[in-house]
Structure formats: C-alpha cells, structure tokens
Amino acid sequence: MSEKLLDAQGRHRKTTVSFRVSPEEAEVLDRMVAASGLTKQDYITSCLLKHEVTIIPNSRTYKGLYDEMWRVYRELRRIRKAGDLSQDLEEVLIVLSKEFVGLKDEPSDVEKEEAAITALKRG
C-alpha cells in the first residue's frame, strides 16, 4: 500500500463520495470551509459524521475569517434592513461571529458593527 494514500491519521482513503449542490449552497459551503481553516474534505466529513469542528486560529484562518467578515459587512450595508437577510447569510454571520469572538478577548469590529446594526433596528 502506498504511503501517499494515507491521511494524517494513517487511514487509507480510496473511496470517492460526491454530490451536487445549488450555486447558493456551494457559496455557503465555501464560506464555511474558508472560515474553518480546514480542507473542504475534512470540513464536510466532520459535519457529516457530527464531529465538532474545532478551529485553531492561525494566520490562514484569521485571513479567511477577516475576508469573509468583510464580504458579510458589505452585504449588510447593501441590504440596510436586517429583516431582509437571507437565511444563508444569517447562518454564515452567526458562525463567523462566534469564531471571530474567539480570536481575541476585546470586542471585535464585528461585535461593534453588530451592536450598531442592532441599535439601528430599534430606531
């Protein structure tokens, strides 16, 4: 058996599993994968097997989160009304905000923006 076919845990992965998704689902999946810092294969496998996805912050993960948060922020500014958020964007926002909060102890720009948006909804 070739060493190249073994993964980091020493498993022999030779079976291919594939499935189709909509363009919108693919976009959400790509965003979640980028935010996780995992490979798409590892992210999907972890989710399907109901393993907890633990993100260990590093510069790659931080950049992925940062870039994604800017995309979400621009989309929120475009929408202007929190009630018009798509379900997909709302799910991405929730996951990313939890991950972003875990990166540092002080309130993040994301938390500050979220508080500003919440204040706008009340007015």
PDB file of N, CA and C in Angstrom:
ATOM      1  N   MET A   1       0.843  -1.181   0.000  1.00  0.00           N
ATOM      2  CA  MET A   1       0.000   0.000   0.000  1.00  0.00           C
ATOM      3  C   MET A   1       0.885   1.240   0.000  1.00  0.00           C
ATOM      4  N   SER A   2       0.578   2.175  -0.851  1.00  0.00           N
ATOM      5  CA  SER A   2       1.390   3.383  -0.994  1.00  0.00           C
ATOM      6  C   SER A   2       1.185   4.324   0.186  1.00  0.00           C
ATOM      7  N   GLU A   3       2.262   4.904   0.671  1.00  0.00           N
ATOM      8  CA  GLU A   3       2.191   5.881   1.760  1.00  0.00           C
ATOM      9  C   GLU A   3       1.414   7.123   1.337  1.00  0.00           C
ATOM     10  N   LYS A   4       1.386   7.429   0.039  1.00  0.00           N
ATOM     11  CA  LYS A   4       0.696   8.618  -0.439  1.00  0.00           C
ATOM     12  C   LYS A   4      -0.813   8.543  -0.243  1.00  0.00           C
ATOM     13  N   LEU A   5      -1.351   7.353  -0.093  1.00  0.00           N
ATOM     14  CA  LEU A   5      -2.791   7.191   0.051  1.00  0.00           C
ATOM     15  C   LEU A   5      -3.261   7.291   1.500  1.00  0.00           C
ATOM     16  N   LEU A   6      -2.343   7.428   2.441  1.00  0.00           N
ATOM     17  CA  LEU A   6      -2.714   7.528   3.843  1.00  0.00           C
ATOM     18  C   LEU A   6      -2.895   8.989   4.230  1.00  0.00           C
ATOM     19  N   ASP A   7      -3.928   9.260   5.034  1.00  0.00           N
ATOM     20  CA  ASP A   7      -4.130  10.629   5.503  1.00  0.00           C
ATOM     21  C   ASP A   7      -3.314  10.857   6.772  1.00  0.00           C
ATOM     22  N   ALA A   8      -3.485  12.014   7.391  1.00  0.00           N
ATOM     23  CA  ALA A   8      -2.696  12.381   8.575  1.00  0.00           C
ATOM     24  C   ALA A   8      -2.911  11.425   9.748  1.00  0.00           C
ATOM     25  N   GLN A   9      -4.079  10.776   9.792  1.00  0.00           N
ATOM     26  CA  GLN A   9      -4.365   9.829  10.874  1.00  0.00           C
ATOM     27  C   GLN A   9      -4.015   8.391  10.494  1.00  0.00           C
ATOM     28  N   GLY A  10      -3.353   8.212   9.352  1.00  0.00           N
ATOM     29  CA  GLY A  10      -2.920   6.896   8.918  1.00  0.00           C
ATOM     30  C   GLY A  10      -4.027   6.068   8.266  1.00  0.00           C
ATOM     31  N   ARG A  11      -5.122   6.707   7.871  1.00  0.00           N
ATOM     32  CA  ARG A  11      -6.231   5.991   7.229  1.00  0.00           C
ATOM     33  C   ARG A  11      -6.004   5.932   5.727  1.00  0.00           C
ATOM     34  N   HIS A  12      -6.431   4.839   5.156  1.00  0.00           N
ATOM     35  CA  HIS A  12      -6.350   4.659   3.706  1.00  0.00           C
ATOM     36  C   HIS A  12      -7.662   5.153   3.110  1.00  0.00           C
ATOM     37  N   ARG A  13      -7.630   6.271   2.428  1.00  0.00           N
ATOM     38  CA  ARG A  13      -8.835   6.855   1.840  1.00  0.00           C
ATOM     39  C   ARG A  13      -8.820   6.639   0.334  1.00  0.00           C
ATOM     40  N   LYS A  14      -9.590   5.661  -0.108  1.00  0.00           N
ATOM     41  CA  LYS A  14      -9.627   5.380  -1.540  1.00  0.00           C
ATOM     42  C   LYS A  14     -11.026   5.498  -2.136  1.00  0.00           C
ATOM     43  N   THR A  15     -12.055   5.696  -1.303  1.00  0.00           N
ATOM     44  CA  THR A  15     -13.419   5.802  -1.791  1.00  0.00           C
ATOM     45  C   THR A  15     -13.777   7.263  -2.031  1.00  0.00           C
ATOM     46  N   THR A  16     -14.353   7.525  -3.192  1.00  0.00           N
ATOM     47  CA  THR A  16     -14.784   8.872  -3.533  1.00  0.00           C
ATOM     48  C   THR A  16     -16.276   8.999  -3.297  1.00  0.00           C
ATOM     49  N   VAL A  17     -16.670  10.071  -2.642  1.00  0.00           N
ATOM     50  CA  VAL A  17     -18.078  10.391  -2.429  1.00  0.00           C
ATOM     51  C   VAL A  17     -18.302  11.769  -3.035  1.00  0.00           C
ATOM     52  N   SER A  18     -19.326  11.888  -3.878  1.00  0.00           N
ATOM     53  CA  SER A  18     -19.600  13.191  -4.468  1.00  0.00           C
ATOM     54  C   SER A  18     -21.101  13.434  -4.450  1.00  0.00           C
ATOM     55  N   PHE A  19     -21.472  14.700  -4.502  1.00  0.00           N
ATOM     56  CA  PHE A  19     -22.875  15.078  -4.517  1.00  0.00           C
ATOM     57  C   PHE A  19     -23.001  16.450  -5.136  1.00  0.00           C
ATOM     58  N   ARG A  20     -24.215  16.777  -5.550  1.00  0.00           N
ATOM     59  CA  ARG A  20     -24.479  18.065  -6.180  1.00  0.00           C
ATOM     60  C   ARG A  20     -25.147  19.007  -5.190  1.00  0.00           C
ATOM     61  N   VAL A  21     -24.817  20.290  -5.337  1.00  0.00           N
ATOM     62  CA  VAL A  21     -25.441  21.335  -4.534  1.00  0.00           C
ATOM     63  C   VAL A  21     -25.789  22.490  -5.459  1.00  0.00           C
ATOM     64  N   SER A  22     -26.664  23.367  -4.985  1.00  0.00           N
ATOM     65  CA  SER A  22     -27.006  24.556  -5.765  1.00  0.00           C
ATOM     66  C   SER A  22     -25.837  25.536  -5.690  1.00  0.00           C
ATOM     67  N   PRO A  23     -25.798  26.500  -6.597  1.00  0.00           N
ATOM     68  CA  PRO A  23     -24.736  27.518  -6.512  1.00  0.00           C
ATOM     69  C   PRO A  23     -24.753  28.257  -5.176  1.00  0.00           C
ATOM     70  N   GLU A  24     -25.957  28.504  -4.635  1.00  0.00           N
ATOM     71  CA  GLU A  24     -26.059  29.192  -3.345  1.00  0.00           C
ATOM     72  C   GLU A  24     -25.506  28.321  -2.221  1.00  0.00           C
ATOM     73  N   GLU A  25     -25.828  27.039  -2.254  1.00  0.00           N
ATOM     74  CA  GLU A  25     -25.303  26.119  -1.238  1.00  0.00           C
ATOM     75  C   GLU A  25     -23.783  26.002  -1.355  1.00  0.00           C
ATOM     76  N   ALA A  26     -23.283  25.972  -2.576  1.00  0.00           N
ATOM     77  CA  ALA A  26     -21.836  25.892  -2.789  1.00  0.00           C
ATOM     78  C   ALA A  26     -21.139  27.120  -2.225  1.00  0.00           C
ATOM     79  N   GLU A  27     -21.749  28.282  -2.409  1.00  0.00           N
ATOM     80  CA  GLU A  27     -21.164  29.519  -1.894  1.00  0.00           C
ATOM     81  C   GLU A  27     -21.108  29.498  -0.366  1.00  0.00           C
ATOM     82  N   VAL A  28     -22.197  29.078   0.263  1.00  0.00           N
ATOM     83  CA  VAL A  28     -22.222  28.996   1.730  1.00  0.00           C
ATOM     84  C   VAL A  28     -21.188  27.982   2.204  1.00  0.00           C
ATOM     85  N   LEU A  29     -21.132  26.825   1.541  1.00  0.00           N
ATOM     86  CA  LEU A  29     -20.157  25.799   1.919  1.00  0.00           C
ATOM     87  C   LEU A  29     -18.736  26.339   1.798  1.00  0.00           C
ATOM     88  N   ASP A  30     -18.441  27.005   0.704  1.00  0.00           N
ATOM     89  CA  ASP A  30     -17.094  27.565   0.513  1.00  0.00           C
ATOM     90  C   ASP A  30     -16.760  28.581   1.600  1.00  0.00           C
ATOM     91  N   ARG A  31     -17.730  29.383   1.990  1.00  0.00           N
ATOM     92  CA  ARG A  31     -17.508  30.371   3.053  1.00  0.00           C
ATOM     93  C   ARG A  31     -17.219  29.679   4.376  1.00  0.00           C
ATOM     94  N   MET A  32     -17.990  28.654   4.680  1.00  0.00           N
ATOM     95  CA  MET A  32     -17.806  27.940   5.941  1.00  0.00           C
ATOM     96  C   MET A  32     -16.447  27.220   5.965  1.00  0.00           C
ATOM     97  N   VAL A  33     -16.074  26.645   4.852  1.00  0.00           N
ATOM     98  CA  VAL A  33     -14.775  25.964   4.762  1.00  0.00           C
ATOM     99  C   VAL A  33     -13.644  26.966   4.950  1.00  0.00           C
ATOM    100  N   ALA A  34     -13.728  28.104   4.277  1.00  0.00           N
ATOM    101  CA  ALA A  34     -12.677  29.123   4.402  1.00  0.00           C
ATOM    102  C   ALA A  34     -12.563  29.605   5.835  1.00  0.00           C
ATOM    103  N   ALA A  35     -13.704  29.787   6.503  1.00  0.00           N
ATOM    104  CA  ALA A  35     -13.683  30.258   7.883  1.00  0.00           C
ATOM    105  C   ALA A  35     -13.134  29.209   8.834  1.00  0.00           C
ATOM    106  N   SER A  36     -13.311  27.945   8.499  1.00  0.00           N
ATOM    107  CA  SER A  36     -12.872  26.881   9.406  1.00  0.00           C
ATOM    108  C   SER A  36     -11.365  26.663   9.378  1.00  0.00           C
ATOM    109  N   GLY A  37     -10.734  26.964   8.247  1.00  0.00           N
ATOM    110  CA  GLY A  37      -9.309  26.697   8.115  1.00  0.00           C
ATOM    111  C   GLY A  37      -9.018  25.249   7.755  1.00  0.00           C
ATOM    112  N   LEU A  38     -10.061  24.436   7.610  1.00  0.00           N
ATOM    113  CA  LEU A  38      -9.904  23.031   7.239  1.00  0.00           C
ATOM    114  C   LEU A  38      -9.959  22.894   5.727  1.00  0.00           C
ATOM    115  N   THR A  39      -9.592  21.716   5.247  1.00  0.00           N
ATOM    116  CA  THR A  39      -9.825  21.434   3.836  1.00  0.00           C
ATOM    117  C   THR A  39     -11.316  21.181   3.662  1.00  0.00           C
ATOM    118  N   LYS A  40     -11.795  21.319   2.446  1.00  0.00           N
ATOM    119  CA  LYS A  40     -13.222  21.075   2.195  1.00  0.00           C
ATOM    120  C   LYS A  40     -13.573  19.632   2.567  1.00  0.00           C
ATOM    121  N   GLN A  41     -12.700  18.694   2.219  1.00  0.00           N
ATOM    122  CA  GLN A  41     -12.931  17.288   2.549  1.00  0.00           C
ATOM    123  C   GLN A  41     -13.057  17.094   4.054  1.00  0.00           C
ATOM    124  N   ASP A  42     -12.128  17.651   4.819  1.00  0.00           N
ATOM    125  CA  ASP A  42     -12.156  17.484   6.271  1.00  0.00           C
ATOM    126  C   ASP A  42     -13.363  18.180   6.894  1.00  0.00           C
ATOM    127  N   TYR A  43     -13.726  19.345   6.364  1.00  0.00           N
ATOM    128  CA  TYR A  43     -14.870  20.072   6.900  1.00  0.00           C
ATOM    129  C   TYR A  43     -16.165  19.282   6.670  1.00  0.00           C
ATOM    130  N   ILE A  44     -16.378  18.837   5.432  1.00  0.00           N
ATOM    131  CA  ILE A  44     -17.599  18.093   5.110  1.00  0.00           C
ATOM    132  C   ILE A  44     -17.660  16.786   5.886  1.00  0.00           C
ATOM    133  N   THR A  45     -16.552  16.075   5.946  1.00  0.00           N
ATOM    134  CA  THR A  45     -16.529  14.810   6.685  1.00  0.00           C
ATOM    135  C   THR A  45     -16.851  15.037   8.154  1.00  0.00           C
ATOM    136  N   SER A  46     -16.268  16.051   8.761  1.00  0.00           N
ATOM    137  CA  SER A  46     -16.543  16.357  10.166  1.00  0.00           C
ATOM    138  C   SER A  46     -18.019  16.681  10.389  1.00  0.00           C
ATOM    139  N   CYS A  47     -18.584  17.470   9.492  1.00  0.00           N
ATOM    140  CA  CYS A  47     -20.006  17.824   9.624  1.00  0.00           C
ATOM    141  C   CYS A  47     -20.903  16.605   9.438  1.00  0.00           C
ATOM    142  N   LEU A  48     -20.617  15.795   8.437  1.00  0.00           N
ATOM    143  CA  LEU A  48     -21.455  14.622   8.165  1.00  0.00           C
ATOM    144  C   LEU A  48     -21.390  13.599   9.291  1.00  0.00           C
ATOM    145  N   LEU A  49     -20.230  13.456   9.880  1.00  0.00           N
ATOM    146  CA  LEU A  49     -20.066  12.493  10.965  1.00  0.00           C
ATOM    147  C   LEU A  49     -20.395  13.091  12.327  1.00  0.00           C
ATOM    148  N   LYS A  50     -20.885  14.348  12.298  1.00  0.00           N
ATOM    149  CA  LYS A  50     -21.294  15.075  13.501  1.00  0.00           C
ATOM    150  C   LYS A  50     -20.155  15.216  14.511  1.00  0.00           C
ATOM    151  N   HIS A  51     -18.951  15.381  13.977  1.00  0.00           N
ATOM    152  CA  HIS A  51     -17.807  15.697  14.823  1.00  0.00           C
ATOM    153  C   HIS A  51     -17.792  17.200  15.036  1.00  0.00           C
ATOM    154  N   GLU A  52     -17.387  17.619  16.196  1.00  0.00           N
ATOM    155  CA  GLU A  52     -17.270  19.043  16.441  1.00  0.00           C
ATOM    156  C   GLU A  52     -16.113  19.585  15.618  1.00  0.00           C
ATOM    157  N   VAL A  53     -16.369  20.678  14.925  1.00  0.00           N
ATOM    158  CA  VAL A  53     -15.323  21.315  14.133  1.00  0.00           C
ATOM    159  C   VAL A  53     -14.647  22.334  15.025  1.00  0.00           C
ATOM    160  N   THR A  54     -13.402  22.049  15.407  1.00  0.00           N
ATOM    161  CA  THR A  54     -12.643  22.951  16.256  1.00  0.00           C
ATOM    162  C   THR A  54     -11.659  23.703  15.384  1.00  0.00           C
ATOM    163  N   ILE A  55     -11.772  25.005  15.428  1.00  0.00           N
ATOM    164  CA  ILE A  55     -10.893  25.839  14.623  1.00  0.00           C
ATOM    165  C   ILE A  55      -9.760  26.342  15.499  1.00  0.00           C
ATOM    166  N   ILE A  56      -8.556  26.048  15.085  1.00  0.00           N
ATOM    167  CA  ILE A  56      -7.377  26.520  15.799  1.00  0.00           C
ATOM    168  C   ILE A  56      -6.877  27.745  15.042  1.00  0.00           C
ATOM    169  N   PRO A  57      -7.017  28.929  15.671  1.00  0.00           N
ATOM    170  CA  PRO A  57      -6.645  30.153  14.966  1.00  0.00           C
ATOM    171  C   PRO A  57      -5.178  30.156  14.527  1.00  0.00           C
ATOM    172  N   ASN A  58      -4.983  30.532  13.294  1.00  0.00           N
ATOM    173  CA  ASN A  58      -3.650  30.777  12.758  1.00  0.00           C
ATOM    174  C   ASN A  58      -3.813  31.881  11.715  1.00  0.00           C
ATOM    175  N   SER A  59      -2.761  32.281  11.081  1.00  0.00           N
ATOM    176  CA  SER A  59      -2.854  33.409  10.151  1.00  0.00           C
ATOM    177  C   SER A  59      -3.764  33.089   8.973  1.00  0.00           C
ATOM    178  N   ARG A  60      -3.768  31.853   8.495  1.00  0.00           N
ATOM    179  CA  ARG A  60      -4.639  31.460   7.378  1.00  0.00           C
ATOM    180  C   ARG A  60      -6.107  31.538   7.790  1.00  0.00           C
ATOM    181  N   THR A  61      -6.419  31.020   8.988  1.00  0.00           N
ATOM    182  CA  THR A  61      -7.795  31.060   9.491  1.00  0.00           C
ATOM    183  C   THR A  61      -8.229  32.495   9.712  1.00  0.00           C
ATOM    184  N   TYR A  62      -7.373  33.292  10.320  1.00  0.00           N
ATOM    185  CA  TYR A  62      -7.702  34.688  10.578  1.00  0.00           C
ATOM    186  C   TYR A  62      -7.981  35.429   9.269  1.00  0.00           C
ATOM    187  N   LYS A  63      -7.142  35.211   8.255  1.00  0.00           N
ATOM    188  CA  LYS A  63      -7.351  35.874   6.966  1.00  0.00           C
ATOM    189  C   LYS A  63      -8.670  35.433   6.355  1.00  0.00           C
ATOM    190  N   GLY A  64      -8.983  34.136   6.415  1.00  0.00           N
ATOM    191  CA  GLY A  64     -10.256  33.649   5.885  1.00  0.00           C
ATOM    192  C   GLY A  64     -11.435  34.281   6.596  1.00  0.00           C
ATOM    193  N   LEU A  65     -11.365  34.354   7.931  1.00  0.00           N
ATOM    194  CA  LEU A  65     -12.439  34.981   8.702  1.00  0.00           C
ATOM    195  C   LEU A  65     -12.544  36.473   8.389  1.00  0.00           C
ATOM    196  N   TYR A  66     -11.409  37.129   8.327  1.00  0.00           N
ATOM    197  CA  TYR A  66     -11.384  38.564   8.050  1.00  0.00           C
ATOM    198  C   TYR A  66     -12.008  38.863   6.687  1.00  0.00           C
ATOM    199  N   ASP A  67     -11.578  38.120   5.669  1.00  0.00           N
ATOM    200  CA  ASP A  67     -12.106  38.334   4.323  1.00  0.00           C
ATOM    201  C   ASP A  67     -13.607  38.062   4.279  1.00  0.00           C
ATOM    202  N   GLU A  68     -14.032  36.993   4.935  1.00  0.00           N
ATOM    203  CA  GLU A  68     -15.455  36.655   4.934  1.00  0.00           C
ATOM    204  C   GLU A  68     -16.280  37.682   5.691  1.00  0.00           C
ATOM    205  N   MET A  69     -15.757  38.168   6.805  1.00  0.00           N
ATOM    206  CA  MET A  69     -16.487  39.179   7.561  1.00  0.00           C
ATOM    207  C   MET A  69     -16.638  40.460   6.749  1.00  0.00           C
ATOM    208  N   TRP A  70     -15.652  40.822   5.946  1.00  0.00           N
ATOM    209  CA  TRP A  70     -15.786  41.998   5.094  1.00  0.00           C
ATOM    210  C   TRP A  70     -16.847  41.776   4.029  1.00  0.00           C
ATOM    211  N   ARG A  71     -16.916  40.549   3.474  1.00  0.00           N
ATOM    212  CA  ARG A  71     -17.957  40.254   2.489  1.00  0.00           C
ATOM    213  C   ARG A  71     -19.339  40.391   3.126  1.00  0.00           C
ATOM    214  N   VAL A  72     -19.476  39.834   4.328  1.00  0.00           N
ATOM    215  CA  VAL A  72     -20.756  39.904   5.037  1.00  0.00           C
ATOM    216  C   VAL A  72     -21.089  41.350   5.379  1.00  0.00           C
ATOM    217  N   TYR A  73     -20.115  42.098   5.847  1.00  0.00           N
ATOM    218  CA  TYR A  73     -20.329  43.504   6.199  1.00  0.00           C
ATOM    219  C   TYR A  73     -20.804  44.311   4.987  1.00  0.00           C
ATOM    220  N   ARG A  74     -20.153  44.103   3.840  1.00  0.00           N
ATOM    221  CA  ARG A  74     -20.569  44.815   2.629  1.00  0.00           C
ATOM    222  C   ARG A  74     -21.993  44.424   2.237  1.00  0.00           C
ATOM    223  N   GLU A  75     -22.315  43.145   2.395  1.00  0.00           N
ATOM    224  CA  GLU A  75     -23.670  42.695   2.076  1.00  0.00           C
ATOM    225  C   GLU A  75     -24.686  43.311   3.030  1.00  0.00           C
ATOM    226  N   LEU A  76     -24.362  43.388   4.306  1.00  0.00           N
ATOM    227  CA  LEU A  76     -25.262  44.012   5.275  1.00  0.00           C
ATOM    228  C   LEU A  76     -25.473  45.492   4.965  1.00  0.00           C
ATOM    229  N   ARG A  77     -24.418  46.168   4.582  1.00  0.00           N
ATOM    230  CA  ARG A  77     -24.559  47.587   4.214  1.00  0.00           C
ATOM    231  C   ARG A  77     -25.444  47.735   2.993  1.00  0.00           C
ATOM    232  N   ARG A  78     -25.325  46.788   2.058  1.00  0.00           N
ATOM    233  CA  ARG A  78     -26.149  46.838   0.853  1.00  0.00           C
ATOM    234  C   ARG A  78     -27.618  46.606   1.210  1.00  0.00           C
ATOM    235  N   ILE A  79     -27.868  45.696   2.072  1.00  0.00           N
ATOM    236  CA  ILE A  79     -29.241  45.359   2.438  1.00  0.00           C
ATOM    237  C   ILE A  79     -29.887  46.470   3.257  1.00  0.00           C
ATOM    238  N   ARG A  80     -29.147  46.980   4.218  1.00  0.00           N
ATOM    239  CA  ARG A  80     -29.567  48.084   5.089  1.00  0.00           C
ATOM    240  C   ARG A  80     -30.695  47.747   6.056  1.00  0.00           C
ATOM    241  N   LYS A  81     -31.467  46.756   5.783  1.00  0.00           N
ATOM    242  CA  LYS A  81     -32.549  46.382   6.682  1.00  0.00           C
ATOM    243  C   LYS A  81     -32.288  44.949   7.147  1.00  0.00           C
ATOM    244  N   ALA A  82     -32.101  44.762   8.440  1.00  0.00           N
ATOM    245  CA  ALA A  82     -31.764  43.441   8.971  1.00  0.00           C
ATOM    246  C   ALA A  82     -32.845  42.411   8.656  1.00  0.00           C
ATOM    247  N   GLY A  83     -34.084  42.844   8.484  1.00  0.00           N
ATOM    248  CA  GLY A  83     -35.159  41.916   8.177  1.00  0.00           C
ATOM    249  C   GLY A  83     -35.055  41.298   6.794  1.00  0.00           C
ATOM    250  N   ASP A  84     -34.224  41.854   5.927  1.00  0.00           N
ATOM    251  CA  ASP A  84     -34.068  41.347   4.573  1.00  0.00           C
ATOM    252  C   ASP A  84     -32.927  40.347   4.426  1.00  0.00           C
ATOM    253  N   LEU A  85     -32.327  39.900   5.527  1.00  0.00           N
ATOM    254  CA  LEU A  85     -31.232  38.947   5.457  1.00  0.00           C
ATOM    255  C   LEU A  85     -31.725  37.601   4.952  1.00  0.00           C
ATOM    256  N   SER A  86     -30.982  37.003   4.033  1.00  0.00           N
ATOM    257  CA  SER A  86     -31.320  35.646   3.609  1.00  0.00           C
ATOM    258  C   SER A  86     -30.946  34.687   4.732  1.00  0.00           C
ATOM    259  N   GLN A  87     -31.590  33.536   4.764  1.00  0.00           N
ATOM    260  CA  GLN A  87     -31.298  32.525   5.781  1.00  0.00           C
ATOM    261  C   GLN A  87     -29.834  32.092   5.694  1.00  0.00           C
ATOM    262  N   ASP A  88     -29.328  31.924   4.471  1.00  0.00           N
ATOM    263  CA  ASP A  88     -27.931  31.502   4.290  1.00  0.00           C
ATOM    264  C   ASP A  88     -26.961  32.519   4.867  1.00  0.00           C
ATOM    265  N   LEU A  89     -27.187  33.806   4.559  1.00  0.00           N
ATOM    266  CA  LEU A  89     -26.301  34.846   5.069  1.00  0.00           C
ATOM    267  C   LEU A  89     -26.375  34.938   6.580  1.00  0.00           C
ATOM    268  N   GLU A  90     -27.575  34.784   7.125  1.00  0.00           N
ATOM    269  CA  GLU A  90     -27.732  34.832   8.573  1.00  0.00           C
ATOM    270  C   GLU A  90     -26.968  33.690   9.251  1.00  0.00           C
ATOM    271  N   GLU A  91     -27.029  32.481   8.679  1.00  0.00           N
ATOM    272  CA  GLU A  91     -26.298  31.343   9.239  1.00  0.00           C
ATOM    273  C   GLU A  91     -24.793  31.573   9.181  1.00  0.00           C
ATOM    274  N   VAL A  92     -24.312  32.068   8.062  1.00  0.00           N
ATOM    275  CA  VAL A  92     -22.884  32.364   7.927  1.00  0.00           C
ATOM    276  C   VAL A  92     -22.477  33.419   8.941  1.00  0.00           C
ATOM    277  N   LEU A  93     -23.282  34.456   9.104  1.00  0.00           N
ATOM    278  CA  LEU A  93     -22.990  35.531  10.046  1.00  0.00           C
ATOM    279  C   LEU A  93     -22.888  35.006  11.473  1.00  0.00           C
ATOM    280  N   ILE A  94     -23.795  34.138  11.876  1.00  0.00           N
ATOM    281  CA  ILE A  94     -23.784  33.581  13.230  1.00  0.00           C
ATOM    282  C   ILE A  94     -22.515  32.773  13.471  1.00  0.00           C
ATOM    283  N   VAL A  95     -22.181  31.883  12.542  1.00  0.00           N
ATOM    284  CA  VAL A  95     -20.988  31.041  12.706  1.00  0.00           C
ATOM    285  C   VAL A  95     -19.725  31.893  12.733  1.00  0.00           C
ATOM    286  N   LEU A  96     -19.625  32.835  11.796  1.00  0.00           N
ATOM    287  CA  LEU A  96     -18.418  33.662  11.729  1.00  0.00           C
ATOM    288  C   LEU A  96     -18.267  34.558  12.943  1.00  0.00           C
ATOM    289  N   SER A  97     -19.369  35.096  13.437  1.00  0.00           N
ATOM    290  CA  SER A  97     -19.256  35.973  14.602  1.00  0.00           C
ATOM    291  C   SER A  97     -18.780  35.184  15.820  1.00  0.00           C
ATOM    292  N   LYS A  98     -19.244  33.944  15.973  1.00  0.00           N
ATOM    293  CA  LYS A  98     -18.771  33.109  17.093  1.00  0.00           C
ATOM    294  C   LYS A  98     -17.273  32.842  16.973  1.00  0.00           C
ATOM    295  N   GLU A  99     -16.820  32.547  15.762  1.00  0.00           N
ATOM    296  CA  GLU A  99     -15.399  32.267  15.554  1.00  0.00           C
ATOM    297  C   GLU A  99     -14.565  33.527  15.751  1.00  0.00           C
ATOM    298  N   PHE A 100     -15.051  34.638  15.253  1.00  0.00           N
ATOM    299  CA  PHE A 100     -14.326  35.892  15.366  1.00  0.00           C
ATOM    300  C   PHE A 100     -14.187  36.302  16.817  1.00  0.00           C
ATOM    301  N   VAL A 101     -15.246  36.121  17.593  1.00  0.00           N
ATOM    302  CA  VAL A 101     -15.211  36.471  19.011  1.00  0.00           C
ATOM    303  C   VAL A 101     -14.138  35.657  19.720  1.00  0.00           C
ATOM    304  N   GLY A 102     -13.951  34.423  19.322  1.00  0.00           N
ATOM    305  CA  GLY A 102     -12.962  33.564  19.957  1.00  0.00           C
ATOM    306  C   GLY A 102     -11.526  33.926  19.644  1.00  0.00           C
ATOM    307  N   LEU A 103     -11.304  34.788  18.668  1.00  0.00           N
ATOM    308  CA  LEU A 103      -9.936  35.126  18.275  1.00  0.00           C
ATOM    309  C   LEU A 103      -9.246  36.097  19.224  1.00  0.00           C
ATOM    310  N   LYS A 104     -10.022  36.938  19.927  1.00  0.00           N
ATOM    311  CA  LYS A 104      -9.390  37.856  20.866  1.00  0.00           C
ATOM    312  C   LYS A 104     -10.378  38.220  21.964  1.00  0.00           C
ATOM    313  N   ASP A 105      -9.860  38.691  23.080  1.00  0.00           N
ATOM    314  CA  ASP A 105     -10.683  38.965  24.249  1.00  0.00           C
ATOM    315  C   ASP A 105     -11.469  40.268  24.156  1.00  0.00           C
ATOM    316  N   GLU A 106     -10.911  41.278  23.543  1.00  0.00           N
ATOM    317  CA  GLU A 106     -11.594  42.568  23.473  1.00  0.00           C
ATOM    318  C   GLU A 106     -12.691  42.515  22.405  1.00  0.00           C
ATOM    319  N   PRO A 107     -13.691  43.400  22.490  1.00  0.00           N
ATOM    320  CA  PRO A 107     -14.752  43.400  21.475  1.00  0.00           C
ATOM    321  C   PRO A 107     -14.160  43.615  20.085  1.00  0.00           C
ATOM    322  N   SER A 108     -14.578  42.790  19.169  1.00  0.00           N
ATOM    323  CA  SER A 108     -14.063  42.892  17.810  1.00  0.00           C
ATOM    324  C   SER A 108     -14.846  43.943  17.032  1.00  0.00           C
ATOM    325  N   ASP A 109     -14.321  44.315  15.873  1.00  0.00           N
ATOM    326  CA  ASP A 109     -15.041  45.234  14.999  1.00  0.00           C
ATOM    327  C   ASP A 109     -16.375  44.635  14.591  1.00  0.00           C
ATOM    328  N   VAL A 110     -16.405  43.322  14.443  1.00  0.00           N
ATOM    329  CA  VAL A 110     -17.643  42.640  14.079  1.00  0.00           C
ATOM    330  C   VAL A 110     -18.685  42.829  15.170  1.00  0.00           C
ATOM    331  N   GLU A 111     -18.283  42.654  16.428  1.00  0.00           N
ATOM    332  CA  GLU A 111     -19.208  42.850  17.541  1.00  0.00           C
ATOM    333  C   GLU A 111     -19.689  44.300  17.600  1.00  0.00           C
ATOM    334  N   LYS A 112     -18.786  45.231  17.349  1.00  0.00           N
ATOM    335  CA  LYS A 112     -19.168  46.644  17.345  1.00  0.00           C
ATOM    336  C   LYS A 112     -20.159  46.930  16.223  1.00  0.00           C
ATOM    337  N   GLU A 113     -19.904  46.357  15.032  1.00  0.00           N
ATOM    338  CA  GLU A 113     -20.831  46.542  13.905  1.00  0.00           C
ATOM    339  C   GLU A 113     -22.178  45.895  14.211  1.00  0.00           C
ATOM    340  N   GLU A 114     -22.143  44.713  14.820  1.00  0.00           N
ATOM    341  CA  GLU A 114     -23.383  44.023  15.174  1.00  0.00           C
ATOM    342  C   GLU A 114     -24.196  44.859  16.162  1.00  0.00           C
ATOM    343  N   ALA A 115     -23.532  45.453  17.138  1.00  0.00           N
ATOM    344  CA  ALA A 115     -24.219  46.312  18.105  1.00  0.00           C
ATOM    345  C   ALA A 115     -24.809  47.531  17.403  1.00  0.00           C
ATOM    346  N   ALA A 116     -24.079  48.092  16.449  1.00  0.00           N
ATOM    347  CA  ALA A 116     -24.589  49.243  15.703  1.00  0.00           C
ATOM    348  C   ALA A 116     -25.818  48.863  14.878  1.00  0.00           C
ATOM    349  N   ILE A 117     -25.769  47.689  14.255  1.00  0.00           N
ATOM    350  CA  ILE A 117     -26.904  47.214  13.457  1.00  0.00           C
ATOM    351  C   ILE A 117     -28.108  46.967  14.365  1.00  0.00           C
ATOM    352  N   THR A 118     -27.874  46.358  15.518  1.00  0.00           N
ATOM    353  CA  THR A 118     -28.957  46.098  16.471  1.00  0.00           C
ATOM    354  C   THR A 118     -29.574  47.420  16.926  1.00  0.00           C
ATOM    355  N   ALA A 119     -28.741  48.407  17.179  1.00  0.00           N
ATOM    356  CA  ALA A 119     -29.255  49.714  17.598  1.00  0.00           C
ATOM    357  C   ALA A 119     -30.092  50.351  16.498  1.00  0.00           C
ATOM    358  N   LEU A 120     -29.706  50.157  15.239  1.00  0.00           N
ATOM    359  CA  LEU A 120     -30.467  50.702  14.116  1.00  0.00           C
ATOM    360  C   LEU A 120     -31.837  50.053  14.008  1.00  0.00           C
ATOM    361  N   LYS A 121     -31.916  48.744  14.306  1.00  0.00           N
ATOM    362  CA  LYS A 121     -33.195  48.037  14.217  1.00  0.00           C
ATOM    363  C   LYS A 121     -34.202  48.600  15.223  1.00  0.00           C
ATOM    364  N   ARG A 122     -33.736  49.065  16.366  1.00  0.00           N
ATOM    365  CA  ARG A 122     -34.625  49.594  17.413  1.00  0.00           C
ATOM    366  C   ARG A 122     -35.172  50.961  17.048  1.00  0.00           C
ATOM    367  N   GLY A 123     -34.409  51.724  16.261  1.00  0.00           N
ATOM    368  CA  GLY A 123     -34.763  53.113  15.948  1.00  0.00           C
ATOM    369  C   GLY A 123     -35.697  53.206  14.835  1.00  0.00           C
TER     370      GLY A 123
END
